[in-house]
């Protein structure tokens, strides 16, 4: 019986790992200003057809659901299972830059196999790139402000693990389906020319460090000052 139980647990871990690694995962976040207090609506997504979620992750795999406010306060958020995703929301009491995250873990394992981050710009006058970096785990970090981006502006993105820039591969996907792949190193960032408004997903991976994703939105381009 003990041998059968161990075999079952091993198969369960392998199946969970396969489900995590065979799909991409990301956060879709939008701002709802229809009520008295603006809300950030969160959707935890999985699949291959960004921005539409194709499948719902098992709730037990999702951990570390956190929000970082413009004032650097950190709190957790809850999400409920929908048809093809997990959904939640939180109030936006102040203007500025918010960071939303979640992680995926195999049962009984400490290290995350996948981390996701979304940058929410809630009507900020400016957005300091320093607040985009969490400094822990695998993450994709924009090196320039995502506020007031001009059309054709080049934005650099680094792949970091525990705050250290590392070698890896980044896949940049626009909501219209167009994509590009860029390799990074400890000395080379991924430079992306912003040609379109809308939502972007950048997925990153590094051997031995798992995978990660970053989503952000450019609602409109800033006007050039002549």
Protein backbone atom coordinates (compact mmCIF):
# COMPACT_ATOMS: atom_id res chain seq x y z
CA UNK A 1 0.00 0.00 0.00
CA UNK A 2 2.80 2.41 0.89
CA UNK A 3 4.50 1.72 -2.42
CA UNK A 4 1.24 2.36 -4.29
CA UNK A 5 0.71 5.61 -2.39
CA UNK A 6 4.23 6.79 -3.24
CA UNK A 7 3.72 5.86 -6.89
CA UNK A 8 0.40 7.74 -6.96
CA UNK A 9 2.00 10.82 -5.42
CA UNK A 10 4.89 10.70 -7.91
CA UNK A 11 2.47 10.48 -10.84
CA UNK A 12 0.43 13.35 -9.41
CA UNK A 13 3.54 15.54 -9.13
CA UNK A 14 4.56 14.70 -12.68
CA UNK A 15 1.09 15.48 -14.02
CA UNK A 16 1.01 18.81 -12.18
CA UNK A 17 4.47 19.71 -13.44
CA UNK A 18 3.46 18.77 -16.98
CA UNK A 19 0.33 20.93 -16.79
CA UNK A 20 2.37 23.90 -15.60
CA UNK A 21 5.24 23.57 -18.06
CA UNK A 22 3.21 22.71 -21.18
CA UNK A 23 1.16 25.92 -21.09
CA UNK A 24 1.88 29.59 -20.64
CA UNK A 25 0.29 31.47 -17.75
CA UNK A 26 -0.36 35.15 -17.25
CA UNK A 27 -2.44 37.86 -15.59
CA UNK A 28 -5.09 39.83 -17.43
CA UNK A 29 -5.84 42.98 -15.44
CA UNK A 30 -8.21 45.82 -16.29
CA UNK A 31 -9.54 48.87 -14.47
CA UNK A 32 -13.28 49.27 -13.87
CA UNK A 33 -14.18 52.87 -13.01
CA UNK A 34 -17.98 52.53 -13.23
CA UNK A 35 -18.53 52.46 -9.44
CA UNK A 36 -17.75 54.91 -6.68
CA UNK A 37 -14.37 53.26 -6.08
CA UNK A 38 -12.30 52.14 -9.10
CA UNK A 39 -11.50 48.43 -9.16
CA UNK A 40 -8.71 46.43 -10.69
CA UNK A 41 -10.25 43.27 -12.16
CA UNK A 42 -7.84 40.31 -12.12
CA UNK A 43 -7.95 37.18 -14.27
CA UNK A 44 -5.44 34.34 -13.83
CA UNK A 45 -5.12 32.79 -17.29
CA UNK A 46 -3.52 29.76 -18.89
CA UNK A 47 -3.18 28.37 -22.40
CA UNK A 48 -1.63 29.31 -25.73
CA UNK A 49 -4.01 31.98 -27.09
CA UNK A 50 -3.19 35.18 -25.22
CA UNK A 51 -5.12 37.21 -24.21
CA UNK A 52 -7.94 34.61 -24.04
CA UNK A 53 -7.60 31.97 -21.33
CA UNK A 54 -8.14 28.42 -22.61
CA UNK A 55 -8.09 26.44 -19.40
CA UNK A 56 -8.53 26.82 -15.67
CA UNK A 57 -5.63 25.90 -13.43
CA UNK A 58 -6.27 23.73 -10.39
CA UNK A 59 -6.67 26.04 -7.44
CA UNK A 60 -4.16 24.12 -5.35
CA UNK A 61 -1.36 25.02 -7.76
CA UNK A 62 -1.85 28.77 -7.37
CA UNK A 63 0.08 30.43 -4.55
CA UNK A 64 1.50 33.81 -3.53
CA UNK A 65 -1.34 35.96 -4.86
CA UNK A 66 -0.04 39.41 -3.93
CA UNK A 67 -0.59 43.08 -4.72
CA UNK A 68 1.97 45.84 -4.15
CA UNK A 69 0.47 49.33 -3.87
CA UNK A 70 2.06 52.66 -4.90
CA UNK A 71 2.90 53.12 -1.20
CA UNK A 72 4.81 49.78 -1.20
CA UNK A 73 2.21 48.03 0.98
CA UNK A 74 1.87 44.31 0.21
CA UNK A 75 -1.35 42.37 0.65
CA UNK A 76 -2.93 39.21 -0.72
CA UNK A 77 -5.99 38.92 -2.92
CA UNK A 78 -8.53 36.13 -3.33
CA UNK A 79 -9.74 34.64 -6.60
CA UNK A 80 -12.67 32.45 -7.54
CA UNK A 81 -12.85 29.73 -10.16
CA UNK A 82 -14.55 30.66 -13.42
CA UNK A 83 -15.12 28.56 -16.52
CA UNK A 84 -11.60 28.93 -17.93
CA UNK A 85 -9.76 31.10 -15.40
CA UNK A 86 -9.62 32.35 -11.83
CA UNK A 87 -11.02 35.83 -11.21
CA UNK A 88 -10.67 38.42 -8.47
CA UNK A 89 -10.59 42.17 -7.89
CA UNK A 90 -9.32 44.82 -5.52
CA UNK A 91 -10.03 48.50 -4.91
CA UNK A 92 -7.71 51.24 -6.17
CA UNK A 93 -7.68 53.77 -3.31
CA UNK A 94 -4.91 55.92 -4.80
CA UNK A 95 -3.37 56.74 -8.16
CA UNK A 96 -0.03 55.27 -9.13
CA UNK A 97 1.68 52.00 -10.06
CA UNK A 98 0.36 48.67 -8.75
CA UNK A 99 2.05 45.28 -9.13
CA UNK A 100 -0.06 42.10 -9.17
CA UNK A 101 1.55 38.64 -8.88
CA UNK A 102 0.87 34.95 -8.50
CA UNK A 103 3.01 31.80 -8.50
CA UNK A 104 2.47 28.16 -9.40
CA UNK A 105 3.89 25.32 -7.33
CA UNK A 106 3.73 21.56 -7.41
CA UNK A 107 2.16 20.01 -4.30
CA UNK A 108 4.60 19.61 -1.42
CA UNK A 109 7.32 21.55 -3.25
CA UNK A 110 8.80 24.81 -1.97
CA UNK A 111 10.20 26.31 -5.18
CA UNK A 112 7.82 27.91 -7.68
CA UNK A 113 7.81 26.51 -11.21
CA UNK A 114 6.15 29.60 -12.67
CA UNK A 115 5.68 33.21 -11.58
CA UNK A 116 3.49 35.86 -13.18
CA UNK A 117 3.48 39.63 -12.76
CA UNK A 118 1.28 42.42 -14.10
CA UNK A 119 2.05 46.14 -13.98
CA UNK A 120 -1.04 48.31 -13.49
CA UNK A 121 -0.74 52.03 -14.24
CA UNK A 122 -3.71 53.73 -12.57
CA UNK A 123 -3.63 57.26 -13.97
CA UNK A 124 -0.11 58.04 -12.72
CA UNK A 125 1.68 61.31 -13.47
CA UNK A 126 4.84 59.23 -13.78
CA UNK A 127 5.97 55.67 -13.09
CA UNK A 128 9.38 54.93 -11.56
CA UNK A 129 10.97 51.83 -13.18
CA UNK A 130 12.49 50.94 -9.79
CA UNK A 131 9.05 49.85 -8.56
CA UNK A 132 8.74 47.26 -11.37
CA UNK A 133 11.36 44.99 -9.81
CA UNK A 134 10.41 42.70 -6.93
CA UNK A 135 13.96 41.45 -6.38
CA UNK A 136 12.92 37.88 -5.64
CA UNK A 137 12.48 34.85 -7.82
CA UNK A 138 12.41 34.84 -11.61
CA UNK A 139 10.90 37.99 -13.13
CA UNK A 140 10.92 40.24 -16.19
CA UNK A 141 11.78 43.85 -15.43
CA UNK A 142 11.20 46.89 -17.71
CA UNK A 143 14.21 49.19 -17.52
CA UNK A 144 12.31 52.35 -18.58
CA UNK A 145 9.05 53.90 -17.43
CA UNK A 146 5.93 52.43 -19.04
CA UNK A 147 4.17 55.75 -18.49
CA UNK A 148 3.81 58.20 -21.39
CA UNK A 149 5.39 55.95 -24.01
CA UNK A 150 5.84 57.49 -27.44
CA UNK A 151 5.20 55.52 -30.63
CA UNK A 152 8.44 53.97 -31.82
CA UNK A 153 10.11 54.33 -28.43
CA UNK A 154 12.50 51.53 -27.50
CA UNK A 155 11.92 49.85 -24.12
CA UNK A 156 14.46 47.44 -22.65
CA UNK A 157 13.48 44.39 -20.59
CA UNK A 158 15.76 42.28 -18.38
CA UNK A 159 15.29 38.71 -17.16
CA UNK A 160 16.31 38.54 -13.49
CA UNK A 161 16.49 35.92 -10.79
CA UNK A 162 16.60 37.19 -7.19
CA UNK A 163 17.58 40.61 -8.53
CA UNK A 164 20.47 39.36 -10.70
CA UNK A 165 20.27 39.70 -14.50
CA UNK A 166 20.60 36.29 -16.14
CA UNK A 167 20.70 34.57 -19.52
CA UNK A 168 17.40 33.46 -20.98
CA UNK A 169 14.80 33.79 -23.71
CA UNK A 170 11.95 36.31 -23.88
CA UNK A 171 8.87 35.93 -26.09
CA UNK A 172 6.95 39.16 -26.63
CA UNK A 173 3.31 38.79 -27.73
CA UNK A 174 0.86 41.60 -28.55
CA UNK A 175 -2.87 41.09 -28.01
CA UNK A 176 -3.34 40.91 -31.79
CA UNK A 177 -1.20 37.75 -31.91
CA UNK A 178 1.99 39.20 -33.39
CA UNK A 179 5.11 38.03 -31.57
CA UNK A 180 8.91 38.07 -31.50
CA UNK A 181 11.62 36.15 -29.61
CA UNK A 182 14.74 37.76 -28.11
CA UNK A 183 17.57 36.15 -26.18
CA UNK A 184 19.08 37.93 -23.21
CA UNK A 185 22.29 37.61 -21.21
CA UNK A 186 23.74 39.11 -18.05
CA UNK A 187 24.97 42.02 -20.16
CA UNK A 188 22.30 42.20 -22.88
CA UNK A 189 18.70 43.30 -22.37
CA UNK A 190 15.81 42.68 -24.76
CA UNK A 191 15.06 45.90 -26.64
CA UNK A 192 11.50 46.21 -27.93
CA UNK A 193 10.27 49.01 -30.18
CA UNK A 194 6.74 49.91 -29.11
CA UNK A 195 4.77 50.17 -32.37
CA UNK A 196 1.26 49.45 -31.06
CA UNK A 197 -0.98 50.34 -28.16
CA UNK A 198 -2.84 47.59 -26.30
CA UNK A 199 -1.86 44.73 -24.00
CA UNK A 200 1.48 42.94 -24.14
CA UNK A 201 2.60 39.65 -22.61
CA UNK A 202 6.28 38.85 -22.25
CA UNK A 203 7.16 35.28 -21.30
CA UNK A 204 10.61 34.37 -20.05
CA UNK A 205 12.45 31.17 -19.25
CA UNK A 206 15.87 30.27 -17.92
CA UNK A 207 17.34 26.80 -17.54
CA UNK A 208 17.09 25.67 -13.95
CA UNK A 209 15.11 28.73 -12.84
CA UNK A 210 11.64 27.97 -14.18
CA UNK A 211 9.48 30.33 -16.23
CA UNK A 212 7.76 33.68 -15.77
CA UNK A 213 5.49 36.18 -17.52
CA UNK A 214 4.85 39.92 -17.44
CA UNK A 215 1.75 41.71 -18.74
CA UNK A 216 1.17 45.44 -19.12
CA UNK A 217 -1.02 47.77 -21.12
CA UNK A 218 -0.34 50.85 -23.24
CA UNK A 219 -3.73 52.60 -23.58
CA UNK A 220 -2.47 55.31 -25.93
CA UNK A 221 0.81 56.78 -27.08
CA UNK A 222 2.06 60.04 -25.60
CA UNK A 223 2.22 62.98 -27.94
CA UNK A 224 5.67 64.11 -28.99
CA UNK A 225 6.74 67.54 -27.84
CA UNK A 226 8.23 69.42 -30.79
